[in-house]
N, C-alpha and C. Protein backbone atom coordinates (compact mmCIF):
# COMPACT_ATOMS: atom_id res chain seq x y z
N MET A 1 136.65 134.08 69.61
CA MET A 1 135.21 133.94 69.72
C MET A 1 134.91 133.01 70.80
N SER A 2 134.11 133.12 71.71
CA SER A 2 133.65 132.36 72.84
C SER A 2 132.68 131.13 72.40
N SER A 3 133.19 130.08 73.11
CA SER A 3 132.37 128.73 72.62
C SER A 3 131.27 128.65 73.54
N THR A 4 130.97 129.61 74.55
CA THR A 4 129.91 129.53 75.65
C THR A 4 128.55 129.57 74.73
N LYS A 5 127.78 128.61 75.13
CA LYS A 5 126.34 128.55 74.67
C LYS A 5 125.50 128.68 75.83
N CYS A 6 124.57 129.62 75.47
CA CYS A 6 123.54 130.36 76.49
C CYS A 6 122.15 129.61 76.34
N GLY A 7 121.76 129.21 77.51
CA GLY A 7 120.09 128.83 77.58
C GLY A 7 119.40 129.81 78.31
N PHE A 8 118.05 129.78 77.96
CA PHE A 8 116.99 130.58 78.69
C PHE A 8 115.84 129.77 78.95
N ILE A 9 115.72 129.57 80.33
CA ILE A 9 114.51 128.78 80.78
C ILE A 9 113.39 129.78 81.16
N PHE A 10 112.21 129.50 80.62
CA PHE A 10 111.12 130.50 80.86
C PHE A 10 109.78 130.12 81.54
N TYR A 11 109.50 130.88 82.56
CA TYR A 11 108.26 130.46 83.32
C TYR A 11 107.11 131.18 82.89
N PRO A 12 106.02 130.70 82.35
CA PRO A 12 104.96 131.54 81.80
C PRO A 12 104.18 132.41 83.04
N GLY A 13 103.50 133.51 82.47
CA GLY A 13 102.57 134.17 83.39
C GLY A 13 101.37 133.27 83.86
N GLY A 14 100.78 133.53 85.14
CA GLY A 14 99.81 132.99 85.65
C GLY A 14 98.58 132.72 84.67
N LYS A 15 98.34 131.47 84.59
CA LYS A 15 96.85 131.14 83.71
C LYS A 15 97.12 131.54 82.22
N VAL A 16 98.42 131.53 81.85
CA VAL A 16 98.75 131.70 80.41
C VAL A 16 99.48 130.47 80.01
N GLU A 17 98.91 129.97 78.71
CA GLU A 17 99.42 128.87 78.17
C GLU A 17 100.87 129.07 77.76
N TYR A 18 101.66 128.16 77.96
CA TYR A 18 103.12 128.30 77.78
C TYR A 18 103.63 128.54 76.42
N THR A 19 102.86 128.10 75.51
CA THR A 19 103.10 128.38 74.09
C THR A 19 103.04 129.83 73.66
N ALA A 20 102.25 130.67 74.36
CA ALA A 20 102.19 132.06 74.04
C ALA A 20 103.52 132.85 74.04
N TYR A 21 104.52 132.24 74.62
CA TYR A 21 105.80 132.83 74.65
C TYR A 21 106.72 132.18 73.63
N ALA A 22 106.28 131.39 72.83
CA ALA A 22 107.24 130.81 71.83
C ALA A 22 108.09 131.83 70.99
N PRO A 23 107.52 133.02 70.72
CA PRO A 23 108.27 134.03 70.01
C PRO A 23 109.72 134.45 70.62
N LEU A 24 109.74 134.14 72.02
CA LEU A 24 110.78 134.76 72.70
C LEU A 24 112.05 133.56 72.66
N MET A 25 111.92 132.49 71.89
CA MET A 25 112.86 131.55 71.74
C MET A 25 113.56 131.13 72.90
N CYS A 26 112.85 130.53 73.74
CA CYS A 26 113.65 129.88 74.99
C CYS A 26 113.08 128.70 75.30
N VAL A 27 113.55 127.92 76.20
CA VAL A 27 113.22 126.69 76.86
C VAL A 27 111.88 127.14 77.61
N LEU A 28 110.71 126.74 77.02
CA LEU A 28 109.34 126.93 77.59
C LEU A 28 109.01 125.69 78.44
N LEU A 29 108.38 126.03 79.48
CA LEU A 29 108.03 124.85 80.58
C LEU A 29 106.59 124.99 80.74
N LYS A 30 106.00 123.75 80.41
CA LYS A 30 104.57 123.74 80.70
C LYS A 30 104.13 123.58 82.21
N MET A 31 103.47 124.38 82.70
CA MET A 31 103.00 124.36 84.15
C MET A 31 101.73 123.66 84.50
N PRO A 32 101.54 123.01 85.62
CA PRO A 32 100.29 122.52 85.99
C PRO A 32 99.25 123.63 86.11
N LEU A 33 98.24 123.55 85.48
CA LEU A 33 97.01 124.35 85.44
C LEU A 33 97.63 125.82 84.96
N ASN A 34 98.68 125.98 84.24
CA ASN A 34 99.10 127.07 83.63
C ASN A 34 99.73 128.04 84.90
N LEU A 35 100.16 127.48 85.97
CA LEU A 35 100.66 128.38 87.13
C LEU A 35 101.90 127.83 87.58
N ALA A 36 102.92 128.71 87.42
CA ALA A 36 104.30 128.34 87.90
C ALA A 36 104.34 128.08 89.29
N VAL A 37 103.48 128.62 90.01
CA VAL A 37 103.63 128.52 91.54
C VAL A 37 103.32 127.04 91.90
N LEU A 38 102.77 126.17 91.04
CA LEU A 38 102.49 124.88 91.32
C LEU A 38 103.65 123.99 90.94
N ASP A 39 104.83 124.52 90.42
CA ASP A 39 105.78 123.72 90.14
C ASP A 39 107.15 124.82 89.88
N VAL A 40 107.51 125.26 91.15
CA VAL A 40 108.59 126.22 91.10
C VAL A 40 109.87 125.75 90.62
N ASN A 41 110.08 124.30 90.75
CA ASN A 41 111.31 123.69 90.43
C ASN A 41 111.24 123.04 89.10
N ALA A 42 110.32 123.42 88.24
CA ALA A 42 110.27 122.82 86.80
C ALA A 42 111.52 123.02 86.19
N ALA A 43 112.44 124.04 86.36
CA ALA A 43 113.66 124.01 85.55
C ALA A 43 114.59 123.09 85.89
N ASP A 44 114.49 122.32 87.02
CA ASP A 44 115.42 121.30 87.25
C ASP A 44 115.68 120.06 86.24
N SER A 45 114.32 119.96 85.51
CA SER A 45 114.34 118.88 84.48
C SER A 45 115.23 119.39 83.16
N VAL A 46 115.61 120.63 83.00
CA VAL A 46 116.02 121.05 81.80
C VAL A 46 117.50 121.01 81.67
N PHE A 47 118.39 121.10 82.67
CA PHE A 47 119.94 121.24 82.39
C PHE A 47 120.38 119.93 81.96
N ASP A 48 120.01 118.81 82.27
CA ASP A 48 120.57 117.56 81.72
C ASP A 48 120.07 117.43 80.40
N MET A 49 119.02 118.02 79.90
CA MET A 49 118.54 117.65 78.63
C MET A 49 119.29 118.26 77.65
N PHE A 50 120.26 119.46 77.92
CA PHE A 50 120.98 120.13 77.04
C PHE A 50 122.42 120.35 77.54
N PRO A 51 123.29 119.28 77.62
CA PRO A 51 124.51 119.27 78.07
C PRO A 51 125.38 120.38 77.50
N GLU A 52 125.10 120.58 76.13
CA GLU A 52 125.98 121.53 75.46
C GLU A 52 125.82 123.00 75.92
N ILE A 53 124.88 123.22 76.81
CA ILE A 53 124.79 124.69 77.21
C ILE A 53 125.57 124.70 78.50
N SER A 54 126.41 125.85 78.47
CA SER A 54 127.20 126.00 79.48
C SER A 54 126.96 127.34 80.30
N SER A 55 125.88 128.17 79.94
CA SER A 55 125.55 129.39 80.63
C SER A 55 123.99 129.36 80.55
N TRP A 56 123.29 129.21 81.91
CA TRP A 56 121.95 129.30 81.86
C TRP A 56 121.25 130.63 82.55
N TYR A 57 120.31 131.10 81.96
CA TYR A 57 119.58 132.18 82.71
C TYR A 57 118.26 131.55 82.69
N ILE A 58 117.38 132.14 83.73
CA ILE A 58 115.98 131.76 84.00
C ILE A 58 115.18 133.08 83.90
N GLY A 59 113.88 132.94 83.59
CA GLY A 59 113.12 134.11 83.54
C GLY A 59 111.67 133.72 83.56
N GLY A 60 110.86 134.81 83.52
CA GLY A 60 109.40 134.64 83.52
C GLY A 60 108.73 135.86 83.42
N HIS A 61 107.41 135.73 83.14
CA HIS A 61 106.56 136.86 82.91
C HIS A 61 105.46 136.79 84.05
N SER A 62 105.41 137.96 84.69
CA SER A 62 104.30 138.34 85.71
C SER A 62 104.62 137.17 86.92
N LEU A 63 103.50 136.48 87.28
CA LEU A 63 103.68 135.48 88.32
C LEU A 63 104.83 134.42 88.06
N GLY A 64 105.08 134.25 86.67
CA GLY A 64 106.11 133.29 86.33
C GLY A 64 107.43 133.84 86.67
N GLY A 65 107.69 135.18 86.56
CA GLY A 65 108.85 135.87 86.85
C GLY A 65 109.19 135.78 88.33
N SER A 66 108.22 136.05 89.13
CA SER A 66 108.57 135.84 90.67
C SER A 66 108.76 134.41 90.91
N MET A 67 108.17 133.40 90.34
CA MET A 67 108.46 131.99 90.74
C MET A 67 109.94 131.75 90.19
N ALA A 68 110.27 132.23 89.00
CA ALA A 68 111.63 132.30 88.44
C ALA A 68 112.71 132.61 89.44
N ALA A 69 112.34 133.91 89.94
CA ALA A 69 113.30 134.50 90.89
C ALA A 69 113.49 133.67 92.24
N SER A 70 112.44 133.14 92.69
CA SER A 70 112.61 132.16 93.95
C SER A 70 113.42 130.82 93.49
N TYR A 71 113.25 130.46 92.23
CA TYR A 71 114.17 129.21 91.73
C TYR A 71 115.70 129.76 91.82
N ALA A 72 115.72 130.93 91.04
CA ALA A 72 117.09 131.38 90.93
C ALA A 72 117.84 131.62 92.19
N LEU A 73 117.16 132.07 93.36
CA LEU A 73 117.87 132.12 94.78
C LEU A 73 118.30 130.85 95.23
N GLU A 74 117.57 129.83 94.93
CA GLU A 74 117.90 128.53 95.54
C GLU A 74 118.84 127.71 94.58
N ASN A 75 119.18 128.34 93.35
CA ASN A 75 120.03 127.65 92.33
C ASN A 75 121.06 128.43 91.80
N THR A 76 121.75 129.32 92.51
CA THR A 76 122.59 130.27 92.06
C THR A 76 123.79 129.62 91.39
N ASP A 77 124.09 128.36 91.73
CA ASP A 77 125.26 127.52 91.30
C ASP A 77 125.00 127.08 89.89
N LYS A 78 123.72 127.05 89.47
CA LYS A 78 123.31 126.63 87.92
C LYS A 78 123.08 127.66 87.10
N LEU A 79 122.82 128.91 87.57
CA LEU A 79 122.44 130.15 86.75
C LEU A 79 123.38 131.22 86.82
N GLU A 80 123.18 131.82 85.58
CA GLU A 80 124.24 133.00 85.37
C GLU A 80 123.33 134.34 85.61
N GLY A 81 121.93 134.19 85.47
CA GLY A 81 121.14 135.40 85.76
C GLY A 81 119.61 135.04 85.55
N LEU A 82 118.78 136.19 85.65
CA LEU A 82 117.30 136.04 85.83
C LEU A 82 116.85 137.25 85.01
N VAL A 83 115.65 137.03 84.30
CA VAL A 83 114.99 138.01 83.45
C VAL A 83 113.54 138.14 84.12
N LEU A 84 113.16 139.32 84.48
CA LEU A 84 111.80 139.60 85.01
C LEU A 84 111.13 140.40 83.84
N LEU A 85 110.15 139.89 83.38
CA LEU A 85 109.22 140.67 82.46
C LEU A 85 107.76 140.87 83.22
N ALA A 86 107.59 142.16 83.39
CA ALA A 86 106.36 142.67 84.14
C ALA A 86 106.29 141.94 85.48
N SER A 87 107.28 141.95 86.23
CA SER A 87 107.36 141.07 87.28
C SER A 87 108.25 141.55 88.50
N TYR A 88 108.17 141.02 89.70
CA TYR A 88 109.16 141.38 90.67
C TYR A 88 109.64 140.36 91.57
N SER A 89 110.61 140.33 92.31
CA SER A 89 111.24 139.28 92.94
C SER A 89 110.84 139.47 94.51
N THR A 90 110.14 138.60 95.16
CA THR A 90 110.02 138.64 96.56
C THR A 90 111.19 137.97 97.21
N ALA A 91 112.13 137.26 96.54
CA ALA A 91 113.25 136.65 97.13
C ALA A 91 114.29 137.83 96.92
N ASP A 92 115.20 137.76 97.99
CA ASP A 92 116.25 138.76 98.20
C ASP A 92 117.57 138.13 97.53
N LEU A 93 117.72 138.87 96.27
CA LEU A 93 118.98 138.33 95.38
C LEU A 93 120.14 139.27 95.50
N THR A 94 120.09 140.12 96.51
CA THR A 94 121.23 141.17 96.65
C THR A 94 122.54 140.49 96.93
N GLY A 95 122.53 139.38 97.57
CA GLY A 95 123.72 138.70 97.94
C GLY A 95 124.13 137.69 96.91
N THR A 96 123.69 137.88 95.87
CA THR A 96 124.18 136.64 94.66
C THR A 96 124.94 137.39 93.68
N ASP A 97 125.47 136.56 92.82
CA ASP A 97 126.10 137.01 91.70
C ASP A 97 125.40 137.24 90.39
N LEU A 98 124.26 136.91 90.45
CA LEU A 98 123.13 136.72 89.31
C LEU A 98 123.14 138.12 88.62
N LYS A 99 123.17 138.13 87.33
CA LYS A 99 122.82 139.13 86.50
C LYS A 99 121.36 139.15 86.39
N VAL A 100 120.78 140.43 86.61
CA VAL A 100 119.19 140.60 86.53
C VAL A 100 118.79 141.72 85.59
N ALA A 101 117.85 141.31 84.79
CA ALA A 101 117.19 142.35 84.01
C ALA A 101 115.79 142.30 84.28
N SER A 102 115.01 143.51 84.52
CA SER A 102 113.69 143.74 84.81
C SER A 102 113.22 144.68 83.67
N ILE A 103 112.27 144.19 83.09
CA ILE A 103 111.51 144.81 81.95
C ILE A 103 110.02 144.95 82.10
N TYR A 104 109.50 146.06 81.86
CA TYR A 104 108.10 146.11 81.80
C TYR A 104 107.64 147.38 80.93
N GLY A 105 106.27 147.35 80.64
CA GLY A 105 105.95 148.47 79.72
C GLY A 105 105.22 149.53 80.30
N SER A 106 105.48 150.93 79.85
CA SER A 106 105.04 152.08 80.43
C SER A 106 103.63 152.11 80.74
N ASN A 107 102.81 151.32 79.91
CA ASN A 107 101.45 151.32 79.99
C ASN A 107 100.69 150.18 80.45
N ASP A 108 101.67 149.42 81.50
CA ASP A 108 101.11 148.15 81.99
C ASP A 108 100.12 148.41 83.00
N GLY A 109 98.94 147.86 83.08
CA GLY A 109 97.89 148.02 83.89
C GLY A 109 97.70 147.02 84.79
N VAL A 110 98.56 146.01 84.61
CA VAL A 110 98.44 144.76 85.44
C VAL A 110 99.41 144.60 86.65
N LEU A 111 100.76 144.93 86.22
CA LEU A 111 101.95 144.76 87.05
C LEU A 111 101.64 145.79 88.32
N ASN A 112 101.56 145.30 89.63
CA ASN A 112 101.28 146.07 90.66
C ASN A 112 102.64 146.91 90.87
N MET A 113 102.73 148.27 90.58
CA MET A 113 103.79 149.02 90.63
C MET A 113 104.11 149.28 92.33
N GLU A 114 103.13 149.15 92.99
CA GLU A 114 103.52 149.45 94.46
C GLU A 114 104.21 148.32 94.90
N LYS A 115 104.07 147.20 94.63
CA LYS A 115 104.64 146.06 95.05
C LYS A 115 106.07 145.88 94.33
N TYR A 116 106.20 146.30 93.08
CA TYR A 116 107.23 146.30 92.31
C TYR A 116 108.38 147.17 93.01
N ASN A 117 107.92 148.45 93.24
CA ASN A 117 108.73 149.34 93.94
C ASN A 117 109.16 148.82 95.39
N GLU A 118 108.27 148.14 96.24
CA GLU A 118 108.56 147.68 97.49
C GLU A 118 109.53 146.59 97.42
N TYR A 119 109.57 145.68 96.25
CA TYR A 119 110.56 144.58 96.21
C TYR A 119 111.69 144.83 95.29
N LYS A 120 111.74 146.16 94.85
CA LYS A 120 112.78 146.38 93.98
C LYS A 120 114.23 146.31 94.75
N PRO A 121 114.24 146.66 95.93
CA PRO A 121 115.69 146.59 96.63
C PRO A 121 116.07 145.02 96.86
N ASN A 122 115.13 144.16 96.52
CA ASN A 122 115.68 142.65 96.52
C ASN A 122 116.65 142.19 95.45
N LEU A 123 116.61 143.24 94.46
CA LEU A 123 117.50 142.84 93.06
C LEU A 123 118.85 143.61 93.37
N PRO A 124 119.76 142.88 92.85
CA PRO A 124 121.16 143.43 92.80
C PRO A 124 121.34 144.86 92.36
N GLU A 125 122.23 145.56 92.92
CA GLU A 125 122.39 147.04 92.63
C GLU A 125 122.47 147.13 90.95
N ALA A 126 123.26 146.23 90.41
CA ALA A 126 123.60 146.50 88.89
C ALA A 126 122.40 146.02 87.80
N THR A 127 121.18 145.60 88.53
CA THR A 127 120.14 145.24 87.72
C THR A 127 119.82 146.18 86.46
N LEU A 128 119.57 145.54 85.46
CA LEU A 128 119.21 146.35 84.21
C LEU A 128 117.70 146.55 84.33
N GLU A 129 117.29 147.57 84.54
CA GLU A 129 115.87 148.08 84.41
C GLU A 129 115.35 148.77 83.09
N THR A 130 114.53 148.35 82.32
CA THR A 130 114.12 148.86 81.07
C THR A 130 112.58 148.91 81.07
N ILE A 131 112.25 150.12 80.69
CA ILE A 131 110.79 150.42 80.60
C ILE A 131 110.51 150.58 79.05
N ILE A 132 109.53 149.72 78.39
CA ILE A 132 109.33 149.73 77.04
C ILE A 132 108.17 150.81 77.00
N ASP A 133 108.59 151.85 76.23
CA ASP A 133 107.54 153.06 76.16
C ASP A 133 106.41 152.46 75.21
N GLY A 134 105.21 152.75 75.86
CA GLY A 134 104.06 152.29 75.24
C GLY A 134 103.65 150.83 75.24
N GLY A 135 104.33 150.13 76.03
CA GLY A 135 104.28 148.81 76.09
C GLY A 135 103.12 148.42 77.11
N CYS A 136 102.64 147.16 77.13
CA CYS A 136 101.61 146.80 78.13
C CYS A 136 101.93 145.30 78.68
N HIS A 137 101.18 144.81 79.52
CA HIS A 137 101.49 143.64 80.29
C HIS A 137 101.41 142.50 79.36
N SER A 138 100.24 142.33 78.64
CA SER A 138 100.07 141.23 77.89
C SER A 138 100.84 141.12 76.54
N TYR A 139 101.50 142.13 76.32
CA TYR A 139 102.30 142.02 74.82
C TYR A 139 103.61 141.23 75.10
N PHE A 140 103.93 140.87 76.38
CA PHE A 140 105.04 140.00 76.49
C PHE A 140 105.04 138.68 75.89
N GLY A 141 103.53 138.24 75.86
CA GLY A 141 103.22 136.96 74.99
C GLY A 141 102.28 137.35 74.21
N SER A 142 101.91 136.02 73.49
CA SER A 142 100.92 136.05 72.41
C SER A 142 99.57 135.53 72.87
N TYR A 143 98.87 136.14 73.88
CA TYR A 143 97.68 135.34 74.43
C TYR A 143 96.49 136.52 74.30
N GLY A 144 96.47 137.58 73.61
CA GLY A 144 95.51 138.48 73.50
C GLY A 144 95.46 139.54 74.71
N THR A 145 94.62 140.17 74.87
CA THR A 145 94.28 141.31 75.83
C THR A 145 94.09 140.62 77.17
N GLN A 146 94.50 141.48 78.16
CA GLN A 146 94.23 140.89 79.57
C GLN A 146 93.40 141.95 80.39
N ASP A 147 92.40 141.46 81.18
CA ASP A 147 91.53 142.33 81.94
C ASP A 147 92.59 143.23 82.80
N GLY A 148 92.05 144.64 82.88
CA GLY A 148 92.95 145.44 83.79
C GLY A 148 94.11 145.98 83.12
N ASP A 149 94.62 145.53 82.04
CA ASP A 149 95.69 145.97 81.38
C ASP A 149 95.60 147.41 80.78
N GLY A 150 96.59 148.13 80.66
CA GLY A 150 96.59 149.46 80.12
C GLY A 150 96.46 149.49 78.46
N THR A 151 96.22 150.61 78.11
CA THR A 151 96.24 150.69 76.52
C THR A 151 97.65 150.75 75.95
N PRO A 152 97.95 149.96 75.18
CA PRO A 152 99.37 150.09 74.53
C PRO A 152 99.41 151.20 73.55
N THR A 153 100.53 151.92 73.19
CA THR A 153 100.64 152.70 72.11
C THR A 153 101.56 152.22 71.08
N ILE A 154 102.06 151.00 71.23
CA ILE A 154 102.77 150.29 70.21
C ILE A 154 102.16 148.93 69.92
N THR A 155 102.61 148.38 68.89
CA THR A 155 101.98 146.97 68.52
C THR A 155 102.52 145.95 69.30
N ALA A 156 101.90 144.69 69.34
CA ALA A 156 102.60 143.66 70.09
C ALA A 156 103.84 143.17 69.51
N GLU A 157 103.85 143.33 68.22
CA GLU A 157 105.15 143.00 67.50
C GLU A 157 106.49 144.01 67.86
N GLU A 158 105.93 145.20 67.88
CA GLU A 158 107.09 146.11 68.20
C GLU A 158 107.54 145.98 69.70
N GLN A 159 106.49 145.54 70.51
CA GLN A 159 106.98 145.20 72.01
C GLN A 159 107.88 143.95 71.98
N LEU A 160 107.54 142.97 71.32
CA LEU A 160 108.26 141.65 71.20
C LEU A 160 109.51 142.06 70.74
N ASP A 161 109.65 142.64 69.53
CA ASP A 161 110.89 143.04 68.87
C ASP A 161 111.77 143.62 69.87
N GLU A 162 111.33 144.69 70.64
CA GLU A 162 112.08 145.39 71.58
C GLU A 162 112.57 144.50 72.76
N THR A 163 111.69 143.70 73.18
CA THR A 163 112.17 142.64 74.08
C THR A 163 113.10 141.69 73.81
N VAL A 164 112.91 141.22 72.65
CA VAL A 164 113.95 140.42 72.07
C VAL A 164 115.42 141.10 72.02
N ALA A 165 115.40 142.24 71.46
CA ALA A 165 116.71 143.04 71.34
C ALA A 165 117.28 143.32 72.59
N ILE A 166 116.55 143.53 73.73
CA ILE A 166 117.17 143.61 75.10
C ILE A 166 117.57 142.51 75.56
N LEU A 167 116.70 141.34 75.36
CA LEU A 167 117.39 140.00 75.86
C LEU A 167 118.60 139.43 75.08
N SER A 168 118.56 139.88 73.79
CA SER A 168 119.71 139.35 73.00
C SER A 168 121.04 139.90 73.47
N LYS A 169 120.91 141.22 73.88
CA LYS A 169 122.22 141.91 74.48
C LYS A 169 122.46 141.51 75.96
N PHE A 170 121.36 141.40 76.72
CA PHE A 170 121.68 140.84 78.22
C PHE A 170 122.18 139.48 78.26
N LEU A 171 121.65 138.49 77.46
CA LEU A 171 122.04 137.13 77.60
C LEU A 171 123.45 136.68 76.99
N LYS A 172 124.17 137.56 76.55
CA LYS A 172 125.32 137.31 76.02
C LYS A 172 126.48 137.31 77.10
């Protein structure tokens, strides 16, 4: 059995209170004005707080995911991988050794799929892409409905359970 301990740092979506992601069981970072873009390097403060963690991943939802990807590109020496929830990376991660997972809901009305597909080549070839059937944008957190989102055909709990199952396998 491996003694590796895994940590997951999470950047919240734009204008979403960080506590909305507590069910994901990760290191949640409070962002100035609830915008990760205002503190892209927030993860820097986490590593020394948990010296027992030997394997780190970073991720985020929506805008938070894009900011986590930018951080990951500049900190590949500290990270094993990246998780994008209803997000995309404008940073080119193809030359890195990062493991990447990209997860979004089939009924997401907020994620700009044109930009998602435009920036998809920025992810490593082995990226794990998962589409949660019936899922929507706002169900990655517990913050209610979001303007412009699609109509989910699963419950928020079902989407969260599926997300946690995917992450549990990916983060090992």
